[in-house]
PDB file of all heavy atoms in Angstrom:
ATOM      1  N   THR A   1      -1.305  -7.694  -0.334  1.00  0.00           N
ATOM      2  CA  THR A   1      -2.421  -7.915   0.448  1.00  0.00           C
ATOM      3  C   THR A   1      -3.141  -9.144   0.040  1.00  0.00           C
ATOM      4  O   THR A   1      -3.260  -9.397  -1.102  1.00  0.00           O
ATOM      5  CB  THR A   1      -3.400  -6.776   0.444  1.00  0.00           C
ATOM      6  OG1 THR A   1      -3.817  -6.455  -0.921  1.00  0.00           O
ATOM      7  CG2 THR A   1      -2.755  -5.522   1.025  1.00  0.00           C
ATOM      8  N   ASP A   2      -3.448 -10.006   0.955  1.00  0.00           N
ATOM      9  CA  ASP A   2      -4.245 -11.216   0.611  1.00  0.00           C
ATOM     10  C   ASP A   2      -5.386 -11.488   1.613  1.00  0.00           C
ATOM     11  O   ASP A   2      -5.528 -10.789   2.611  1.00  0.00           O
ATOM     12  CB  ASP A   2      -3.313 -12.434   0.564  1.00  0.00           C
ATOM     13  CG  ASP A   2      -2.611 -12.673   1.912  1.00  0.00           C
ATOM     14  OD1 ASP A   2      -3.262 -12.498   3.028  1.00  0.00           O
ATOM     15  OD2 ASP A   2      -1.448 -13.043   1.897  1.00  0.00           O
ATOM     16  N   GLU A   3      -6.257 -12.291   1.245  1.00  0.00           N
ATOM     17  CA  GLU A   3      -7.380 -12.635   2.011  1.00  0.00           C
ATOM     18  C   GLU A   3      -7.721 -14.137   1.921  1.00  0.00           C
ATOM     19  O   GLU A   3      -7.757 -14.708   0.841  1.00  0.00           O
ATOM     20  CB  GLU A   3      -8.614 -11.933   1.529  1.00  0.00           C
ATOM     21  CG  GLU A   3      -9.914 -12.214   2.342  1.00  0.00           C
ATOM     22  CD  GLU A   3     -11.094 -11.332   1.780  1.00  0.00           C
ATOM     23  OE1 GLU A   3     -11.320 -11.272   0.543  1.00  0.00           O
ATOM     24  OE2 GLU A   3     -11.838 -10.742   2.625  1.00  0.00           O
ATOM     25  N   LYS A   4      -7.833 -14.749   3.127  1.00  0.00           N
ATOM     26  CA  LYS A   4      -8.157 -16.250   3.143  1.00  0.00           C
ATOM     27  C   LYS A   4      -9.617 -16.471   3.065  1.00  0.00           C
ATOM     28  O   LYS A   4     -10.436 -15.572   3.492  1.00  0.00           O
ATOM     29  CB  LYS A   4      -7.572 -16.884   4.450  1.00  0.00           C
ATOM     30  CG  LYS A   4      -6.071 -16.753   4.498  1.00  0.00           C
ATOM     31  CD  LYS A   4      -5.530 -17.497   5.778  1.00  0.00           C
ATOM     32  CE  LYS A   4      -3.995 -17.531   5.783  1.00  0.00           C
ATOM     33  NZ  LYS A   4      -3.502 -18.204   6.986  1.00  0.00           N
ATOM     34  N   LEU A   5      -9.914 -17.522   2.449  1.00  0.00           N
ATOM     35  CA  LEU A   5     -11.435 -17.818   2.074  1.00  0.00           C
ATOM     36  C   LEU A   5     -11.787 -19.229   2.547  1.00  0.00           C
ATOM     37  O   LEU A   5     -10.911 -20.079   2.691  1.00  0.00           O
ATOM     38  CB  LEU A   5     -11.648 -17.664   0.673  1.00  0.00           C
ATOM     39  CG  LEU A   5     -11.172 -16.377  -0.033  1.00  0.00           C
ATOM     40  CD1 LEU A   5     -11.249 -16.518  -1.592  1.00  0.00           C
ATOM     41  CD2 LEU A   5     -12.093 -15.198   0.397  1.00  0.00           C
ATOM     42  N   ARG A   6     -13.046 -19.446   2.759  1.00  0.00           N
ATOM     43  CA  ARG A   6     -13.670 -20.767   2.966  1.00  0.00           C
ATOM     44  C   ARG A   6     -14.885 -20.960   2.268  1.00  0.00           C
ATOM     45  O   ARG A   6     -15.740 -20.015   2.149  1.00  0.00           O
ATOM     46  CB  ARG A   6     -13.814 -20.946   4.523  1.00  0.00           C
ATOM     47  CG  ARG A   6     -14.463 -22.298   4.889  1.00  0.00           C
ATOM     48  CD  ARG A   6     -14.236 -22.700   6.279  1.00  0.00           C
ATOM     49  NE  ARG A   6     -12.768 -22.899   6.546  1.00  0.00           N
ATOM     50  CZ  ARG A   6     -12.243 -22.926   7.777  1.00  0.00           C
ATOM     51  NH1 ARG A   6     -13.027 -22.696   8.877  1.00  0.00           N
ATOM     52  NH2 ARG A   6     -10.966 -23.186   7.912  1.00  0.00           N
ATOM     53  N   GLN A   7     -15.029 -22.111   1.642  1.00  0.00           N
ATOM     54  CA  GLN A   7     -16.274 -22.458   0.887  1.00  0.00           C
ATOM     55  C   GLN A   7     -17.200 -23.264   1.808  1.00  0.00           C
ATOM     56  O   GLN A   7     -16.767 -24.262   2.370  1.00  0.00           O
ATOM     57  CB  GLN A   7     -15.929 -23.215  -0.331  1.00  0.00           C
ATOM     58  CG  GLN A   7     -17.111 -23.560  -1.180  1.00  0.00           C
ATOM     59  CD  GLN A   7     -16.796 -23.998  -2.680  1.00  0.00           C
ATOM     60  OE1 GLN A   7     -15.937 -23.423  -3.167  1.00  0.00           O
ATOM     61  NE2 GLN A   7     -17.565 -24.849  -3.142  1.00  0.00           N
ATOM     62  N   GLU A   8     -18.413 -22.726   1.933  1.00  0.00           N
ATOM     63  CA  GLU A   8     -19.412 -23.421   2.650  1.00  0.00           C
ATOM     64  C   GLU A   8     -20.583 -23.727   1.779  1.00  0.00           C
ATOM     65  O   GLU A   8     -21.230 -22.692   1.350  1.00  0.00           O
ATOM     66  CB  GLU A   8     -19.857 -22.679   3.922  1.00  0.00           C
ATOM     67  CG  GLU A   8     -18.737 -22.596   4.929  1.00  0.00           C
ATOM     68  CD  GLU A   8     -19.200 -21.733   6.193  1.00  0.00           C
ATOM     69  OE1 GLU A   8     -20.258 -21.127   6.171  1.00  0.00           O
ATOM     70  OE2 GLU A   8     -18.461 -21.906   7.228  1.00  0.00           O
ATOM     71  N   GLY A   9     -20.854 -24.957   1.425  1.00  0.00           N
ATOM     72  CA  GLY A   9     -21.922 -25.227   0.413  1.00  0.00           C
ATOM     73  C   GLY A   9     -21.407 -24.660  -0.932  1.00  0.00           C
ATOM     74  O   GLY A   9     -20.314 -25.065  -1.350  1.00  0.00           O
ATOM     75  N   ASP A  10     -22.162 -23.934  -1.568  1.00  0.00           N
ATOM     76  CA  ASP A  10     -21.688 -23.274  -2.800  1.00  0.00           C
ATOM     77  C   ASP A  10     -21.408 -21.827  -2.599  1.00  0.00           C
ATOM     78  O   ASP A  10     -21.359 -21.044  -3.630  1.00  0.00           O
ATOM     79  CB  ASP A  10     -22.891 -23.403  -3.789  1.00  0.00           C
ATOM     80  CG  ASP A  10     -23.083 -24.845  -4.356  1.00  0.00           C
ATOM     81  OD1 ASP A  10     -22.075 -25.709  -4.097  1.00  0.00           O
ATOM     82  OD2 ASP A  10     -24.109 -25.233  -4.794  1.00  0.00           O
ATOM     83  N   SER A  11     -21.086 -21.335  -1.425  1.00  0.00           N
ATOM     84  CA  SER A  11     -20.796 -19.902  -1.235  1.00  0.00           C
ATOM     85  C   SER A  11     -19.407 -19.759  -0.643  1.00  0.00           C
ATOM     86  O   SER A  11     -18.964 -20.711   0.093  1.00  0.00           O
ATOM     87  CB  SER A  11     -21.836 -19.322  -0.235  1.00  0.00           C
ATOM     88  OG  SER A  11     -23.060 -19.384  -0.732  1.00  0.00           O
ATOM     89  N   LEU A  12     -18.745 -18.664  -0.933  1.00  0.00           N
ATOM     90  CA  LEU A  12     -17.451 -18.313  -0.371  1.00  0.00           C
ATOM     91  C   LEU A  12     -17.606 -17.174   0.671  1.00  0.00           C
ATOM     92  O   LEU A  12     -18.314 -16.260   0.500  1.00  0.00           O
ATOM     93  CB  LEU A  12     -16.456 -17.878  -1.479  1.00  0.00           C
ATOM     94  CG  LEU A  12     -16.010 -18.959  -2.535  1.00  0.00           C
ATOM     95  CD1 LEU A  12     -15.034 -18.281  -3.516  1.00  0.00           C
ATOM     96  CD2 LEU A  12     -15.351 -20.127  -1.858  1.00  0.00           C
ATOM     97  N   ARG A  13     -16.811 -17.266   1.675  1.00  0.00           N
ATOM     98  CA  ARG A  13     -16.678 -16.168   2.742  1.00  0.00           C
ATOM     99  C   ARG A  13     -15.272 -16.005   3.207  1.00  0.00           C
ATOM    100  O   ARG A  13     -14.451 -16.942   3.071  1.00  0.00           O
ATOM    101  CB  ARG A  13     -17.664 -16.472   3.873  1.00  0.00           C
ATOM    102  CG  ARG A  13     -17.277 -17.652   4.727  1.00  0.00           C
ATOM    103  CD  ARG A  13     -18.113 -17.805   5.949  1.00  0.00           C
ATOM    104  NE  ARG A  13     -17.878 -19.008   6.738  1.00  0.00           N
ATOM    105  CZ  ARG A  13     -16.922 -19.122   7.644  1.00  0.00           C
ATOM    106  NH1 ARG A  13     -16.122 -18.004   7.881  1.00  0.00           N
ATOM    107  NH2 ARG A  13     -16.752 -20.186   8.259  1.00  0.00           N
ATOM    108  N   ALA A  14     -15.014 -14.825   3.661  1.00  0.00           N
ATOM    109  CA  ALA A  14     -13.712 -14.587   4.223  1.00  0.00           C
ATOM    110  C   ALA A  14     -13.578 -15.460   5.555  1.00  0.00           C
ATOM    111  O   ALA A  14     -14.491 -15.401   6.339  1.00  0.00           O
ATOM    112  CB  ALA A  14     -13.549 -13.074   4.529  1.00  0.00           C
ATOM    113  N   GLU A  15     -12.348 -15.964   5.679  1.00  0.00           N
ATOM    114  CA  GLU A  15     -12.075 -16.795   6.896  1.00  0.00           C
ATOM    115  C   GLU A  15     -10.581 -16.635   7.225  1.00  0.00           C
ATOM    116  O   GLU A  15      -9.733 -17.383   6.621  1.00  0.00           O
ATOM    117  CB  GLU A  15     -12.477 -18.236   6.633  1.00  0.00           C
ATOM    118  CG  GLU A  15     -12.199 -19.197   7.832  1.00  0.00           C
ATOM    119  CD  GLU A  15     -12.575 -18.721   9.102  1.00  0.00           C
ATOM    120  OE1 GLU A  15     -13.802 -18.514   9.334  1.00  0.00           O
ATOM    121  OE2 GLU A  15     -11.672 -18.371   9.959  1.00  0.00           O
ATOM    122  N   PRO A  16     -10.193 -15.760   8.140  1.00  0.00           N
ATOM    123  CA  PRO A  16      -8.780 -15.624   8.573  1.00  0.00           C
ATOM    124  C   PRO A  16      -8.088 -16.941   8.961  1.00  0.00           C
ATOM    125  O   PRO A  16      -6.929 -17.081   8.896  1.00  0.00           O
ATOM    126  CB  PRO A  16      -8.903 -14.650   9.607  1.00  0.00           C
ATOM    127  CG  PRO A  16     -10.129 -13.847   9.472  1.00  0.00           C
ATOM    128  CD  PRO A  16     -11.078 -14.904   8.950  1.00  0.00           C
ATOM    129  N   GLY A  17      -8.866 -17.897   9.449  1.00  0.00           N
ATOM    130  CA  GLY A  17      -8.317 -19.081   9.927  1.00  0.00           C
ATOM    131  C   GLY A  17      -8.264 -20.173   8.898  1.00  0.00           C
ATOM    132  O   GLY A  17      -7.838 -21.369   9.224  1.00  0.00           O
ATOM    133  N   ALA A  18      -8.584 -19.858   7.678  1.00  0.00           N
ATOM    134  CA  ALA A  18      -8.514 -20.850   6.641  1.00  0.00           C
ATOM    135  C   ALA A  18      -7.084 -21.368   6.390  1.00  0.00           C
ATOM    136  O   ALA A  18      -6.146 -20.655   6.474  1.00  0.00           O
ATOM    137  CB  ALA A  18      -9.028 -20.250   5.247  1.00  0.00           C
ATOM    138  N   ASP A  19      -7.024 -22.688   6.143  1.00  0.00           N
ATOM    139  CA  ASP A  19      -5.642 -23.324   5.989  1.00  0.00           C
ATOM    140  C   ASP A  19      -5.125 -23.122   4.573  1.00  0.00           C
ATOM    141  O   ASP A  19      -5.056 -24.111   3.759  1.00  0.00           O
ATOM    142  CB  ASP A  19      -5.728 -24.847   6.397  1.00  0.00           C
ATOM    143  CG  ASP A  19      -4.385 -25.468   6.614  1.00  0.00           C
ATOM    144  OD1 ASP A  19      -3.402 -24.704   6.548  1.00  0.00           O
ATOM    145  OD2 ASP A  19      -4.325 -26.639   6.838  1.00  0.00           O
ATOM    146  N   ALA A  20      -4.705 -21.872   4.287  1.00  0.00           N
ATOM    147  CA  ALA A  20      -4.284 -21.608   2.879  1.00  0.00           C
ATOM    148  C   ALA A  20      -3.235 -20.440   3.024  1.00  0.00           C
ATOM    149  O   ALA A  20      -3.258 -19.635   4.053  1.00  0.00           O
ATOM    150  CB  ALA A  20      -5.373 -21.178   1.921  1.00  0.00           C
ATOM    151  N   ALA A  21      -2.374 -20.242   2.048  1.00  0.00           N
ATOM    152  CA  ALA A  21      -1.356 -19.165   2.143  1.00  0.00           C
ATOM    153  C   ALA A  21      -0.969 -18.785   0.796  1.00  0.00           C
ATOM    154  O   ALA A  21      -1.062 -19.463  -0.216  1.00  0.00           O
ATOM    155  CB  ALA A  21      -0.154 -19.757   2.952  1.00  0.00           C
ATOM    156  N   ALA A  22      -0.351 -17.539   0.726  1.00  0.00           N
ATOM    157  CA  ALA A  22       0.194 -17.010  -0.494  1.00  0.00           C
ATOM    158  C   ALA A  22       1.688 -16.691  -0.156  1.00  0.00           C
ATOM    159  O   ALA A  22       2.006 -16.165   0.826  1.00  0.00           O
ATOM    160  CB  ALA A  22      -0.515 -15.717  -0.840  1.00  0.00           C
ATOM    161  N   THR A  23       2.564 -17.075  -1.163  1.00  0.00           N
ATOM    162  CA  THR A  23       3.999 -16.726  -1.132  1.00  0.00           C
ATOM    163  C   THR A  23       4.386 -16.092  -2.444  1.00  0.00           C
ATOM    164  O   THR A  23       3.661 -16.337  -3.451  1.00  0.00           O
ATOM    165  CB  THR A  23       4.896 -17.923  -0.755  1.00  0.00           C
ATOM    166  OG1 THR A  23       4.632 -18.932  -1.796  1.00  0.00           O
ATOM    167  CG2 THR A  23       4.593 -18.528   0.653  1.00  0.00           C
ATOM    168  N   VAL A  24       5.491 -15.372  -2.434  1.00  0.00           N
ATOM    169  CA  VAL A  24       5.921 -14.679  -3.653  1.00  0.00           C
ATOM    170  C   VAL A  24       7.330 -14.967  -3.863  1.00  0.00           C
ATOM    171  O   VAL A  24       8.159 -14.977  -2.840  1.00  0.00           O
ATOM    172  CB  VAL A  24       5.689 -13.132  -3.583  1.00  0.00           C
ATOM    173  CG1 VAL A  24       6.091 -12.514  -4.867  1.00  0.00           C
ATOM    174  CG2 VAL A  24       4.206 -12.872  -3.260  1.00  0.00           C
ATOM    175  N   LEU A  25       7.836 -15.194  -5.038  1.00  0.00           N
ATOM    176  CA  LEU A  25       9.248 -15.258  -5.451  1.00  0.00           C
ATOM    177  C   LEU A  25       9.478 -14.112  -6.431  1.00  0.00           C
ATOM    178  O   LEU A  25       8.650 -13.626  -7.063  1.00  0.00           O
ATOM    179  CB  LEU A  25       9.600 -16.642  -6.163  1.00  0.00           C
ATOM    180  CG  LEU A  25       9.614 -17.876  -5.296  1.00  0.00           C
ATOM    181  CD1 LEU A  25       8.143 -18.372  -4.996  1.00  0.00           C
ATOM    182  CD2 LEU A  25      10.314 -18.996  -5.872  1.00  0.00           C
ATOM    183  N   MET A  26      10.840 -13.801  -6.535  1.00  0.00           N
ATOM    184  CA  MET A  26      11.154 -12.717  -7.371  1.00  0.00           C
ATOM    185  C   MET A  26      12.672 -12.825  -7.888  1.00  0.00           C
ATOM    186  O   MET A  26      13.426 -13.554  -7.201  1.00  0.00           O
ATOM    187  CB  MET A  26      11.111 -11.362  -6.576  1.00  0.00           C
ATOM    188  CG  MET A  26      11.463 -10.103  -7.335  1.00  0.00           C
ATOM    189  SD  MET A  26      11.018  -8.621  -6.324  1.00  0.00           S
ATOM    190  CE  MET A  26      11.885  -7.385  -7.313  1.00  0.00           C
ATOM    191  N   ARG A  27      12.952 -12.312  -9.049  1.00  0.00           N
ATOM    192  CA  ARG A  27      14.316 -12.288  -9.486  1.00  0.00           C
ATOM    193  C   ARG A  27      14.510 -11.013 -10.289  1.00  0.00           C
ATOM    194  O   ARG A  27      13.575 -10.412 -10.749  1.00  0.00           O
ATOM    195  CB  ARG A  27      14.617 -13.501 -10.383  1.00  0.00           C
ATOM    196  CG  ARG A  27      13.724 -13.684 -11.633  1.00  0.00           C
ATOM    197  CD  ARG A  27      14.201 -14.926 -12.445  1.00  0.00           C
ATOM    198  NE  ARG A  27      13.295 -15.213 -13.514  1.00  0.00           N
ATOM    199  CZ  ARG A  27      13.452 -16.221 -14.404  1.00  0.00           C
ATOM    200  NH1 ARG A  27      14.432 -17.056 -14.230  1.00  0.00           N
ATOM    201  NH2 ARG A  27      12.663 -16.448 -15.414  1.00  0.00           N
ATOM    202  N   THR A  28      15.768 -10.538 -10.392  1.00  0.00           N
ATOM    203  CA  THR A  28      16.176  -9.329 -11.048  1.00  0.00           C
ATOM    204  C   THR A  28      17.115  -9.578 -12.130  1.00  0.00           C
ATOM    205  O   THR A  28      17.847 -10.502 -12.085  1.00  0.00           O
ATOM    206  CB  THR A  28      16.737  -8.327  -9.961  1.00  0.00           C
ATOM    207  OG1 THR A  28      17.977  -8.875  -9.436  1.00  0.00           O
ATOM    208  CG2 THR A  28      15.763  -7.986  -8.850  1.00  0.00           C
ATOM    209  N   GLY A  29      17.093  -8.593 -13.118  1.00  0.00           N
ATOM    210  CA  GLY A  29      17.893  -8.855 -14.352  1.00  0.00           C
ATOM    211  C   GLY A  29      18.475  -7.574 -14.900  1.00  0.00           C
ATOM    212  O   GLY A  29      17.963  -6.520 -14.637  1.00  0.00           O
ATOM    213  N   LEU A  30      19.522  -7.750 -15.753  1.00  0.00           N
ATOM    214  CA  LEU A  30      20.181  -6.657 -16.447  1.00  0.00           C
ATOM    215  C   LEU A  30      19.602  -6.467 -17.805  1.00  0.00           C
ATOM    216  O   LEU A  30      19.865  -5.409 -18.434  1.00  0.00           O
ATOM    217  CB  LEU A  30      21.651  -6.914 -16.529  1.00  0.00           C
ATOM    218  CG  LEU A  30      22.485  -7.050 -15.196  1.00  0.00           C
ATOM    219  CD1 LEU A  30      23.816  -7.529 -15.381  1.00  0.00           C
ATOM    220  CD2 LEU A  30      22.391  -5.685 -14.421  1.00  0.00           C
ATOM    221  N   ASP A  31      18.789  -7.422 -18.285  1.00  0.00           N
ATOM    222  CA  ASP A  31      18.210  -7.246 -19.657  1.00  0.00           C
ATOM    223  C   ASP A  31      16.785  -7.658 -19.642  1.00  0.00           C
ATOM    224  O   ASP A  31      16.296  -8.120 -18.584  1.00  0.00           O
ATOM    225  CB  ASP A  31      19.036  -7.924 -20.708  1.00  0.00           C
ATOM    226  CG  ASP A  31      19.162  -9.433 -20.533  1.00  0.00           C
ATOM    227  OD1 ASP A  31      18.310 -10.075 -19.838  1.00  0.00           O
ATOM    228  OD2 ASP A  31      20.123 -10.075 -21.001  1.00  0.00           O
ATOM    229  N   ASP A  32      16.112  -7.760 -20.831  1.00  0.00           N
ATOM    230  CA  ASP A  32      14.653  -7.949 -20.746  1.00  0.00           C
ATOM    231  C   ASP A  32      14.289  -9.416 -20.985  1.00  0.00           C
ATOM    232  O   ASP A  32      13.094  -9.698 -21.270  1.00  0.00           O
ATOM    233  CB  ASP A  32      13.938  -7.058 -21.797  1.00  0.00           C
ATOM    234  CG  ASP A  32      14.436  -7.341 -23.148  1.00  0.00           C
ATOM    235  OD1 ASP A  32      15.317  -8.131 -23.377  1.00  0.00           O
ATOM    236  OD2 ASP A  32      13.931  -6.633 -24.054  1.00  0.00           O
ATOM    237  N   ASN A  33      15.261 -10.241 -20.922  1.00  0.00           N
ATOM    238  CA  ASN A  33      14.948 -11.691 -21.259  1.00  0.00           C
ATOM    239  C   ASN A  33      15.698 -12.629 -20.310  1.00  0.00           C
ATOM    240  O   ASN A  33      16.908 -12.699 -20.456  1.00  0.00           O
ATOM    241  CB  ASN A  33      15.136 -12.131 -22.673  1.00  0.00           C
ATOM    242  CG  ASN A  33      14.478 -13.404 -23.068  1.00  0.00           C
ATOM    243  OD1 ASN A  33      14.278 -14.265 -22.347  1.00  0.00           O
ATOM    244  ND2 ASN A  33      14.067 -13.454 -24.305  1.00  0.00           N
ATOM    245  N   PRO A  34      15.064 -13.362 -19.351  1.00  0.00           N
ATOM    246  CA  PRO A  34      15.825 -14.188 -18.447  1.00  0.00           C
ATOM    247  C   PRO A  34      16.138 -15.585 -18.999  1.00  0.00           C
ATOM    248  O   PRO A  34      16.670 -16.452 -18.328  1.00  0.00           O
ATOM    249  CB  PRO A  34      14.778 -14.355 -17.330  1.00  0.00           C
ATOM    250  CG  PRO A  34      13.446 -14.249 -17.933  1.00  0.00           C
ATOM    251  CD  PRO A  34      13.599 -13.333 -19.122  1.00  0.00           C
ATOM    252  N   ARG A  35      15.977 -15.775 -20.319  1.00  0.00           N
ATOM    253  CA  ARG A  35      16.335 -17.019 -20.970  1.00  0.00           C
ATOM    254  C   ARG A  35      17.428 -16.846 -22.015  1.00  0.00           C
ATOM    255  O   ARG A  35      17.531 -15.748 -22.640  1.00  0.00           O
ATOM    256  CB  ARG A  35      15.118 -17.735 -21.574  1.00  0.00           C
ATOM    257  CG  ARG A  35      14.029 -17.968 -20.485  1.00  0.00           C
ATOM    258  CD  ARG A  35      12.932 -18.955 -21.026  1.00  0.00           C
ATOM    259  NE  ARG A  35      12.185 -18.441 -22.069  1.00  0.00           N
ATOM    260  CZ  ARG A  35      11.124 -19.086 -22.643  1.00  0.00           C
ATOM    261  NH1 ARG A  35      10.956 -20.348 -22.306  1.00  0.00           N
ATOM    262  NH2 ARG A  35      10.483 -18.451 -23.671  1.00  0.00           N
ATOM    263  N   VAL A  36      18.191 -17.977 -22.218  1.00  0.00           N
ATOM    264  CA  VAL A  36      19.253 -17.886 -23.284  1.00  0.00           C
ATOM    265  C   VAL A  36      18.884 -18.902 -24.338  1.00  0.00           C
ATOM    266  O   VAL A  36      18.533 -20.066 -24.020  1.00  0.00           O
ATOM    267  CB  VAL A  36      20.605 -18.261 -22.701  1.00  0.00           C
ATOM    268  CG1 VAL A  36      21.697 -18.269 -23.722  1.00  0.00           C
ATOM    269  CG2 VAL A  36      20.970 -17.208 -21.598  1.00  0.00           C
ATOM    270  N   TYR A  37      18.931 -18.562 -25.648  1.00  0.00           N
ATOM    271  CA  TYR A  37      18.512 -19.328 -26.731  1.00  0.00           C
ATOM    272  C   TYR A  37      19.730 -19.847 -27.494  1.00  0.00           C
ATOM    273  O   TYR A  37      20.602 -19.056 -27.813  1.00  0.00           O
ATOM    274  CB  TYR A  37      17.594 -18.654 -27.639  1.00  0.00           C
ATOM    275  CG  TYR A  37      16.340 -18.132 -26.904  1.00  0.00           C
ATOM    276  CD1 TYR A  37      16.312 -16.927 -26.253  1.00  0.00           C
ATOM    277  CD2 TYR A  37      15.179 -18.913 -27.031  1.00  0.00           C
ATOM    278  CE1 TYR A  37      15.158 -16.560 -25.530  1.00  0.00           C
ATOM    279  CE2 TYR A  37      13.949 -18.465 -26.397  1.00  0.00           C
ATOM    280  CZ  TYR A  37      14.019 -17.327 -25.656  1.00  0.00           C
ATOM    281  OH  TYR A  37      12.860 -16.874 -24.976  1.00  0.00           O
ATOM    282  N   HIS A  38      19.717 -21.057 -27.916  1.00  0.00           N
ATOM    283  CA  HIS A  38      20.886 -21.620 -28.645  1.00  0.00           C
ATOM    284  C   HIS A  38      20.577 -22.186 -30.001  1.00  0.00           C
ATOM    285  O   HIS A  38      19.518 -22.702 -30.174  1.00  0.00           O
ATOM    286  CB  HIS A  38      21.579 -22.778 -27.798  1.00  0.00           C
ATOM    287  CG  HIS A  38      22.134 -22.277 -26.524  1.00  0.00           C
ATOM    288  ND1 HIS A  38      21.461 -22.288 -25.352  1.00  0.00           N
ATOM    289  CD2 HIS A  38      23.386 -21.827 -26.258  1.00  0.00           C
ATOM    290  CE1 HIS A  38      22.240 -21.796 -24.373  1.00  0.00           C
ATOM    291  NE2 HIS A  38      23.407 -21.592 -24.861  1.00  0.00           N
ATOM    292  N   GLU A  39      21.433 -22.032 -30.904  1.00  0.00           N
ATOM    293  CA  GLU A  39      21.345 -22.624 -32.247  1.00  0.00           C
ATOM    294  C   GLU A  39      22.400 -23.664 -32.427  1.00  0.00           C
ATOM    295  O   GLU A  39      23.572 -23.330 -32.109  1.00  0.00           O
ATOM    296  CB  GLU A  39      21.468 -21.522 -33.320  1.00  0.00           C
ATOM    297  CG  GLU A  39      21.503 -22.160 -34.809  1.00  0.00           C
ATOM    298  CD  GLU A  39      21.913 -21.160 -35.724  1.00  0.00           C
ATOM    299  OE1 GLU A  39      22.233 -20.002 -35.410  1.00  0.00           O
ATOM    300  OE2 GLU A  39      21.936 -21.412 -37.038  1.00  0.00           O
TER     301      GLU A  39
END
């Protein structure tokens, strides 16, 4: 759930027409570390 906002002066208010957006990325794994370390 997200909410778009607009700043007017020093105040914020909800504004569905605000030119802003939220996106989400995701990845899945077989273990608890998505990185590989080398020596």
